[in-house]
């Protein structure tokens, strides 16, 4: 995974963690929790909306990656990703290709993204809306 962490992912998580009140960490410290326990038992479960949104965005970005896959997989048609395969499929039929078949294959390549979004849409909407809030 060559670009699983990007500037957008760092920004979303930074904004989300800044929106968590400092008093929650202080209360855990007073209750005797170590910083590691505070992070894994209190802060990380609170971050599930942001992590869900980040999961969807990262998966979608990796799924639709074209340029890096074209550079790495040049000449290895058996290992093409779906965007590369669709491009090869289009060039195999030329300009006057079977557009119905090409659009059907493009729709089939969208199905995993749609399923992922439907499953995680609650986290996506909640995570995107809360990641931009400040304090």
N, C-alpha and C. Protein backbone atom coordinates (compact mmCIF):
# COMPACT_ATOMS: atom_id res chain seq x y z
N UNK A 1 0.86 -1.16 0.00
CA UNK A 1 0.00 0.00 0.00
C UNK A 1 0.90 1.22 0.00
N UNK A 2 1.03 1.88 -1.12
CA UNK A 2 2.04 2.92 -1.26
C UNK A 2 1.59 4.29 -0.82
N UNK A 3 0.33 4.55 -0.72
CA UNK A 3 -0.08 5.88 -0.26
C UNK A 3 -1.31 5.78 0.63
N UNK A 4 -1.26 4.90 1.61
CA UNK A 4 -2.41 4.72 2.48
C UNK A 4 -2.59 5.91 3.42
N UNK A 5 -1.52 6.63 3.71
CA UNK A 5 -1.61 7.79 4.58
C UNK A 5 -1.27 9.03 3.76
N UNK A 6 -2.21 9.90 3.64
CA UNK A 6 -2.00 11.13 2.89
C UNK A 6 -2.31 12.34 3.75
N UNK A 7 -2.18 13.50 3.17
CA UNK A 7 -2.42 14.74 3.90
C UNK A 7 -3.88 14.85 4.34
N UNK A 8 -4.80 14.39 3.50
CA UNK A 8 -6.21 14.45 3.87
C UNK A 8 -6.52 13.58 5.07
N UNK A 9 -5.92 12.41 5.13
CA UNK A 9 -6.14 11.51 6.27
C UNK A 9 -5.59 12.11 7.55
N UNK A 10 -4.42 12.68 7.48
CA UNK A 10 -3.82 13.31 8.66
C UNK A 10 -4.68 14.49 9.12
N UNK A 11 -5.18 15.28 8.17
CA UNK A 11 -6.02 16.43 8.52
C UNK A 11 -7.32 15.98 9.19
N UNK A 12 -7.98 14.98 8.64
CA UNK A 12 -9.23 14.50 9.23
C UNK A 12 -9.01 14.03 10.66
N UNK A 13 -7.97 13.22 10.88
CA UNK A 13 -7.73 12.71 12.22
C UNK A 13 -7.27 13.82 13.18
N UNK A 14 -6.46 14.75 12.70
CA UNK A 14 -6.02 15.86 13.55
C UNK A 14 -7.20 16.70 14.00
N UNK A 15 -8.07 17.04 13.08
CA UNK A 15 -9.23 17.84 13.43
C UNK A 15 -10.15 17.09 14.41
N UNK A 16 -10.28 15.79 14.21
CA UNK A 16 -11.15 15.04 15.11
C UNK A 16 -10.56 15.00 16.51
N UNK A 17 -9.26 14.70 16.61
CA UNK A 17 -8.65 14.59 17.94
C UNK A 17 -8.59 15.95 18.64
N UNK A 18 -8.51 17.03 17.89
CA UNK A 18 -8.56 18.36 18.51
C UNK A 18 -9.95 18.70 19.02
N UNK A 19 -10.98 18.07 18.46
CA UNK A 19 -12.34 18.36 18.91
C UNK A 19 -12.70 17.62 20.19
N UNK A 20 -11.90 16.64 20.61
CA UNK A 20 -12.17 15.92 21.85
C UNK A 20 -11.73 16.81 23.02
N UNK A 21 -12.62 17.02 23.99
CA UNK A 21 -12.26 17.89 25.12
C UNK A 21 -11.09 17.33 25.93
N UNK A 22 -10.22 18.21 26.33
CA UNK A 22 -9.04 17.83 27.13
C UNK A 22 -9.45 17.28 28.49
N UNK A 23 -10.62 17.70 28.97
CA UNK A 23 -11.09 17.28 30.29
C UNK A 23 -11.31 15.77 30.36
N UNK A 24 -11.62 15.14 29.22
CA UNK A 24 -11.82 13.68 29.21
C UNK A 24 -10.51 12.98 29.54
N UNK A 25 -9.43 13.44 28.94
CA UNK A 25 -8.12 12.85 29.24
C UNK A 25 -7.72 13.13 30.69
N UNK A 26 -8.01 14.32 31.17
CA UNK A 26 -7.67 14.66 32.55
C UNK A 26 -8.46 13.82 33.53
N UNK A 27 -9.74 13.57 33.22
CA UNK A 27 -10.56 12.74 34.11
C UNK A 27 -10.03 11.30 34.15
N UNK A 28 -9.59 10.80 33.03
CA UNK A 28 -9.01 9.45 33.00
C UNK A 28 -7.71 9.40 33.80
N UNK A 29 -6.91 10.45 33.70
CA UNK A 29 -5.66 10.52 34.45
C UNK A 29 -5.94 10.55 35.96
N UNK A 30 -6.94 11.31 36.37
CA UNK A 30 -7.32 11.36 37.79
C UNK A 30 -7.83 10.00 38.26
N UNK A 31 -8.53 9.28 37.40
CA UNK A 31 -9.04 7.95 37.75
C UNK A 31 -7.95 6.89 37.77
N UNK A 32 -6.72 7.25 37.39
CA UNK A 32 -5.60 6.33 37.49
C UNK A 32 -5.24 5.62 36.20
N UNK A 33 -5.78 6.06 35.09
CA UNK A 33 -5.45 5.42 33.81
C UNK A 33 -4.15 5.99 33.26
N UNK A 34 -3.35 5.13 32.68
CA UNK A 34 -2.11 5.58 32.05
C UNK A 34 -2.45 6.23 30.70
N UNK A 35 -1.52 6.97 30.12
CA UNK A 35 -1.80 7.58 28.81
C UNK A 35 -2.16 6.56 27.73
N UNK A 36 -1.51 5.39 27.77
CA UNK A 36 -1.81 4.35 26.78
C UNK A 36 -3.21 3.80 26.99
N UNK A 37 -3.59 3.56 28.26
CA UNK A 37 -4.94 3.09 28.57
C UNK A 37 -5.97 4.13 28.17
N UNK A 38 -5.68 5.39 28.44
CA UNK A 38 -6.60 6.46 28.06
C UNK A 38 -6.82 6.47 26.56
N UNK A 39 -5.74 6.32 25.80
CA UNK A 39 -5.88 6.35 24.35
C UNK A 39 -6.69 5.17 23.85
N UNK A 40 -6.34 3.95 24.26
CA UNK A 40 -6.98 2.76 23.71
C UNK A 40 -8.38 2.50 24.27
N UNK A 41 -8.68 2.91 25.48
CA UNK A 41 -9.98 2.61 26.08
C UNK A 41 -10.97 3.76 26.01
N UNK A 42 -10.49 4.99 25.82
CA UNK A 42 -11.40 6.14 25.83
C UNK A 42 -11.36 6.90 24.51
N UNK A 43 -10.18 7.34 24.11
CA UNK A 43 -10.07 8.20 22.93
C UNK A 43 -10.32 7.44 21.64
N UNK A 44 -9.70 6.27 21.47
CA UNK A 44 -9.85 5.51 20.23
C UNK A 44 -11.30 5.07 19.97
N UNK A 45 -12.04 4.58 20.98
CA UNK A 45 -13.46 4.28 20.71
C UNK A 45 -14.27 5.51 20.32
N UNK A 46 -13.88 6.68 20.81
CA UNK A 46 -14.58 7.91 20.42
C UNK A 46 -14.26 8.29 18.98
N UNK A 47 -13.16 7.78 18.45
CA UNK A 47 -12.71 8.15 17.11
C UNK A 47 -13.28 7.26 16.02
N UNK A 48 -14.20 6.35 16.35
CA UNK A 48 -14.73 5.45 15.32
C UNK A 48 -15.42 6.17 14.15
N UNK A 49 -16.15 7.28 14.37
CA UNK A 49 -16.70 7.97 13.19
C UNK A 49 -15.62 8.49 12.24
N UNK A 50 -14.58 9.09 12.79
CA UNK A 50 -13.51 9.61 11.93
C UNK A 50 -12.75 8.47 11.26
N UNK A 51 -12.52 7.39 11.98
CA UNK A 51 -11.83 6.24 11.39
C UNK A 51 -12.68 5.58 10.30
N UNK A 52 -14.00 5.54 10.51
CA UNK A 52 -14.89 4.99 9.48
C UNK A 52 -14.87 5.83 8.21
N UNK A 53 -14.93 7.15 8.38
CA UNK A 53 -14.86 8.04 7.21
C UNK A 53 -13.52 7.90 6.51
N UNK A 54 -12.47 7.79 7.29
CA UNK A 54 -11.14 7.64 6.72
C UNK A 54 -10.98 6.30 6.01
N UNK A 55 -11.61 5.26 6.53
CA UNK A 55 -11.58 3.95 5.87
C UNK A 55 -12.22 4.02 4.49
N UNK A 56 -13.38 4.63 4.42
CA UNK A 56 -14.09 4.74 3.14
C UNK A 56 -13.27 5.56 2.15
N UNK A 57 -12.77 6.69 2.58
CA UNK A 57 -12.02 7.56 1.66
C UNK A 57 -10.72 6.91 1.19
N UNK A 58 -10.02 6.23 2.10
CA UNK A 58 -8.77 5.57 1.72
C UNK A 58 -9.01 4.40 0.79
N UNK A 59 -10.02 3.59 1.10
CA UNK A 59 -10.34 2.46 0.23
C UNK A 59 -10.74 2.93 -1.16
N UNK A 60 -11.56 3.96 -1.21
CA UNK A 60 -11.99 4.49 -2.51
C UNK A 60 -10.81 5.05 -3.29
N UNK A 61 -9.89 5.72 -2.61
CA UNK A 61 -8.71 6.24 -3.28
C UNK A 61 -7.81 5.15 -3.82
N UNK A 62 -7.63 4.10 -3.05
CA UNK A 62 -6.79 2.98 -3.50
C UNK A 62 -7.48 2.19 -4.61
N UNK A 63 -8.79 2.05 -4.51
CA UNK A 63 -9.55 1.29 -5.51
C UNK A 63 -9.48 1.95 -6.87
N UNK A 64 -9.52 3.28 -6.90
CA UNK A 64 -9.54 4.02 -8.16
C UNK A 64 -8.16 4.48 -8.61
N UNK A 65 -7.12 4.04 -7.96
CA UNK A 65 -5.76 4.46 -8.32
C UNK A 65 -5.43 4.01 -9.74
N UNK A 66 -5.01 4.94 -10.56
CA UNK A 66 -4.71 4.61 -11.95
C UNK A 66 -3.23 4.81 -12.27
N UNK A 67 -2.70 5.99 -11.99
CA UNK A 67 -1.36 6.33 -12.46
C UNK A 67 -0.28 5.45 -11.83
N UNK A 68 -0.30 5.33 -10.49
CA UNK A 68 0.74 4.52 -9.84
C UNK A 68 0.65 3.06 -10.25
N UNK A 69 -0.57 2.56 -10.38
CA UNK A 69 -0.72 1.18 -10.83
C UNK A 69 -0.24 1.01 -12.27
N UNK A 70 -0.47 2.01 -13.10
CA UNK A 70 0.00 1.93 -14.50
C UNK A 70 1.52 1.92 -14.56
N UNK A 71 2.17 2.67 -13.70
CA UNK A 71 3.64 2.71 -13.70
C UNK A 71 4.20 1.39 -13.19
N UNK A 72 3.65 0.90 -12.08
CA UNK A 72 4.18 -0.32 -11.46
C UNK A 72 3.86 -1.57 -12.28
N UNK A 73 2.66 -1.63 -12.85
CA UNK A 73 2.22 -2.84 -13.53
C UNK A 73 2.34 -2.77 -15.06
N UNK A 74 3.14 -1.87 -15.58
CA UNK A 74 3.23 -1.75 -17.03
C UNK A 74 3.74 -3.06 -17.64
N UNK A 75 3.00 -3.58 -18.57
CA UNK A 75 3.37 -4.81 -19.26
C UNK A 75 2.92 -6.09 -18.58
N UNK A 76 2.26 -6.01 -17.46
CA UNK A 76 1.77 -7.21 -16.75
C UNK A 76 0.25 -7.23 -16.79
N UNK A 77 -0.32 -7.54 -17.94
CA UNK A 77 -1.77 -7.45 -18.11
C UNK A 77 -2.54 -8.36 -17.17
N UNK A 78 -1.97 -9.46 -16.75
CA UNK A 78 -2.67 -10.37 -15.85
C UNK A 78 -2.83 -9.82 -14.45
N UNK A 79 -2.06 -8.78 -14.10
CA UNK A 79 -2.11 -8.22 -12.75
C UNK A 79 -2.74 -6.83 -12.71
N UNK A 80 -3.42 -6.41 -13.75
CA UNK A 80 -4.00 -5.07 -13.80
C UNK A 80 -5.04 -4.89 -12.72
N UNK A 81 -5.11 -3.68 -12.20
CA UNK A 81 -6.20 -3.30 -11.30
C UNK A 81 -7.43 -2.99 -12.15
N UNK A 82 -8.57 -2.77 -11.51
CA UNK A 82 -9.79 -2.52 -12.28
C UNK A 82 -9.72 -1.27 -13.15
N UNK A 83 -9.24 -0.13 -12.66
CA UNK A 83 -9.16 1.02 -13.57
C UNK A 83 -8.24 0.76 -14.77
N UNK A 84 -7.13 0.08 -14.54
CA UNK A 84 -6.25 -0.25 -15.67
C UNK A 84 -6.91 -1.25 -16.61
N UNK A 85 -7.60 -2.22 -16.03
CA UNK A 85 -8.30 -3.20 -16.85
C UNK A 85 -9.38 -2.57 -17.70
N UNK A 86 -10.11 -1.61 -17.12
CA UNK A 86 -11.14 -0.91 -17.90
C UNK A 86 -10.52 -0.09 -19.02
N UNK A 87 -9.39 0.54 -18.76
CA UNK A 87 -8.70 1.30 -19.80
C UNK A 87 -8.21 0.37 -20.92
N UNK A 88 -7.66 -0.78 -20.52
CA UNK A 88 -7.21 -1.75 -21.52
C UNK A 88 -8.40 -2.30 -22.30
N UNK A 89 -9.50 -2.54 -21.61
CA UNK A 89 -10.72 -3.05 -22.23
C UNK A 89 -11.23 -2.06 -23.27
N UNK A 90 -11.18 -0.75 -22.93
CA UNK A 90 -11.63 0.28 -23.87
C UNK A 90 -10.71 0.35 -25.08
N UNK A 91 -9.40 0.28 -24.85
CA UNK A 91 -8.47 0.39 -25.98
C UNK A 91 -8.48 -0.87 -26.85
N UNK A 92 -8.87 -2.00 -26.27
CA UNK A 92 -8.94 -3.24 -27.05
C UNK A 92 -10.04 -3.18 -28.10
N UNK A 93 -11.14 -2.47 -27.80
CA UNK A 93 -12.25 -2.37 -28.73
C UNK A 93 -12.17 -1.13 -29.61
N UNK A 94 -11.22 -0.24 -29.34
CA UNK A 94 -11.07 0.95 -30.17
C UNK A 94 -12.14 1.98 -29.89
N UNK A 95 -12.19 2.99 -30.72
CA UNK A 95 -13.14 4.08 -30.51
C UNK A 95 -14.57 3.61 -30.74
N UNK A 96 -14.78 2.72 -31.68
CA UNK A 96 -16.14 2.25 -31.99
C UNK A 96 -16.44 0.96 -31.24
N UNK A 97 -16.09 0.93 -29.95
CA UNK A 97 -16.29 -0.27 -29.16
C UNK A 97 -17.73 -0.46 -28.72
N UNK A 98 -17.96 -1.51 -28.02
CA UNK A 98 -19.29 -1.81 -27.49
C UNK A 98 -19.48 -1.03 -26.19
N UNK A 99 -20.12 0.13 -26.28
CA UNK A 99 -20.26 1.01 -25.13
C UNK A 99 -21.13 0.38 -24.04
N UNK A 100 -22.09 -0.39 -24.40
CA UNK A 100 -22.92 -1.05 -23.39
C UNK A 100 -22.10 -1.99 -22.53
N UNK A 101 -21.22 -2.75 -23.15
CA UNK A 101 -20.35 -3.67 -22.42
C UNK A 101 -19.35 -2.91 -21.56
N UNK A 102 -18.81 -1.81 -22.07
CA UNK A 102 -17.85 -1.03 -21.28
C UNK A 102 -18.53 -0.36 -20.08
N UNK A 103 -19.74 0.16 -20.26
CA UNK A 103 -20.45 0.78 -19.15
C UNK A 103 -20.88 -0.26 -18.13
N UNK A 104 -21.23 -1.45 -18.57
CA UNK A 104 -21.59 -2.52 -17.64
C UNK A 104 -20.37 -2.92 -16.80
N UNK A 105 -19.21 -3.00 -17.42
CA UNK A 105 -18.01 -3.36 -16.65
C UNK A 105 -17.62 -2.23 -15.70
N UNK A 106 -17.83 -0.98 -16.09
CA UNK A 106 -17.55 0.14 -15.19
C UNK A 106 -18.51 0.11 -14.00
N UNK A 107 -19.76 -0.22 -14.23
CA UNK A 107 -20.73 -0.33 -13.13
C UNK A 107 -20.34 -1.46 -12.19
N UNK A 108 -19.91 -2.58 -12.73
CA UNK A 108 -19.50 -3.69 -11.88
C UNK A 108 -18.29 -3.33 -11.02
N UNK A 109 -17.42 -2.47 -11.53
CA UNK A 109 -16.27 -2.06 -10.73
C UNK A 109 -16.67 -1.11 -9.61
N UNK A 110 -17.85 -0.50 -9.69
CA UNK A 110 -18.33 0.40 -8.64
C UNK A 110 -18.99 -0.34 -7.49
N UNK A 111 -19.41 -1.56 -7.69
CA UNK A 111 -20.20 -2.27 -6.68
C UNK A 111 -19.50 -2.39 -5.33
N UNK A 112 -18.21 -2.76 -5.24
CA UNK A 112 -17.58 -2.83 -3.91
C UNK A 112 -17.56 -1.49 -3.18
N UNK A 113 -17.35 -0.40 -3.89
CA UNK A 113 -17.35 0.93 -3.25
C UNK A 113 -18.75 1.26 -2.73
N UNK A 114 -19.77 0.95 -3.51
CA UNK A 114 -21.14 1.23 -3.08
C UNK A 114 -21.49 0.40 -1.85
N UNK A 115 -21.11 -0.87 -1.83
CA UNK A 115 -21.37 -1.73 -0.67
C UNK A 115 -20.64 -1.19 0.56
N UNK A 116 -19.39 -0.81 0.41
CA UNK A 116 -18.63 -0.26 1.53
C UNK A 116 -19.27 1.02 2.05
N UNK A 117 -19.73 1.88 1.16
CA UNK A 117 -20.37 3.12 1.60
C UNK A 117 -21.68 2.84 2.32
N UNK A 118 -22.49 1.92 1.81
CA UNK A 118 -23.77 1.61 2.46
C UNK A 118 -23.54 1.05 3.86
N UNK A 119 -22.53 0.21 4.01
CA UNK A 119 -22.26 -0.39 5.31
C UNK A 119 -21.75 0.67 6.29
N UNK A 120 -20.88 1.58 5.83
CA UNK A 120 -20.26 2.55 6.72
C UNK A 120 -20.79 3.97 6.58
N UNK A 121 -21.96 4.18 5.96
CA UNK A 121 -22.41 5.53 5.71
C UNK A 121 -22.68 6.31 6.99
N UNK A 122 -23.12 5.63 8.02
CA UNK A 122 -23.37 6.29 9.30
C UNK A 122 -22.07 6.90 9.84
N UNK A 123 -20.97 6.13 9.78
CA UNK A 123 -19.69 6.63 10.25
C UNK A 123 -19.14 7.71 9.33
N UNK A 124 -19.38 7.55 8.03
CA UNK A 124 -18.88 8.52 7.06
C UNK A 124 -19.49 9.90 7.29
N UNK A 125 -20.80 9.96 7.39
CA UNK A 125 -21.49 11.25 7.57
C UNK A 125 -21.12 11.86 8.92
N UNK A 126 -21.11 11.05 9.96
CA UNK A 126 -20.77 11.54 11.30
C UNK A 126 -19.31 11.98 11.36
N UNK A 127 -18.42 11.21 10.74
CA UNK A 127 -16.99 11.52 10.80
C UNK A 127 -16.63 12.77 10.01
N UNK A 128 -17.22 12.94 8.84
CA UNK A 128 -16.91 14.13 8.03
C UNK A 128 -17.48 15.36 8.69
N UNK A 129 -18.65 15.26 9.31
CA UNK A 129 -19.25 16.44 9.93
C UNK A 129 -18.53 16.83 11.20
N UNK A 130 -18.00 15.87 11.97
CA UNK A 130 -17.32 16.22 13.22
C UNK A 130 -15.85 16.50 13.03
N UNK A 131 -15.25 16.08 11.91
CA UNK A 131 -13.81 16.31 11.73
C UNK A 131 -13.51 17.77 11.44
N UNK A 132 -14.48 18.53 10.98
CA UNK A 132 -14.24 19.92 10.66
C UNK A 132 -14.59 20.86 11.83
N UNK A 133 -15.10 20.30 12.93
CA UNK A 133 -15.46 21.13 14.07
C UNK A 133 -14.22 21.44 14.92
N UNK A 134 -14.21 22.59 15.46
CA UNK A 134 -13.10 23.00 16.33
C UNK A 134 -13.65 23.29 17.71
N UNK A 135 -13.21 22.53 18.71
CA UNK A 135 -13.55 22.76 20.13
C UNK A 135 -14.98 22.84 20.34
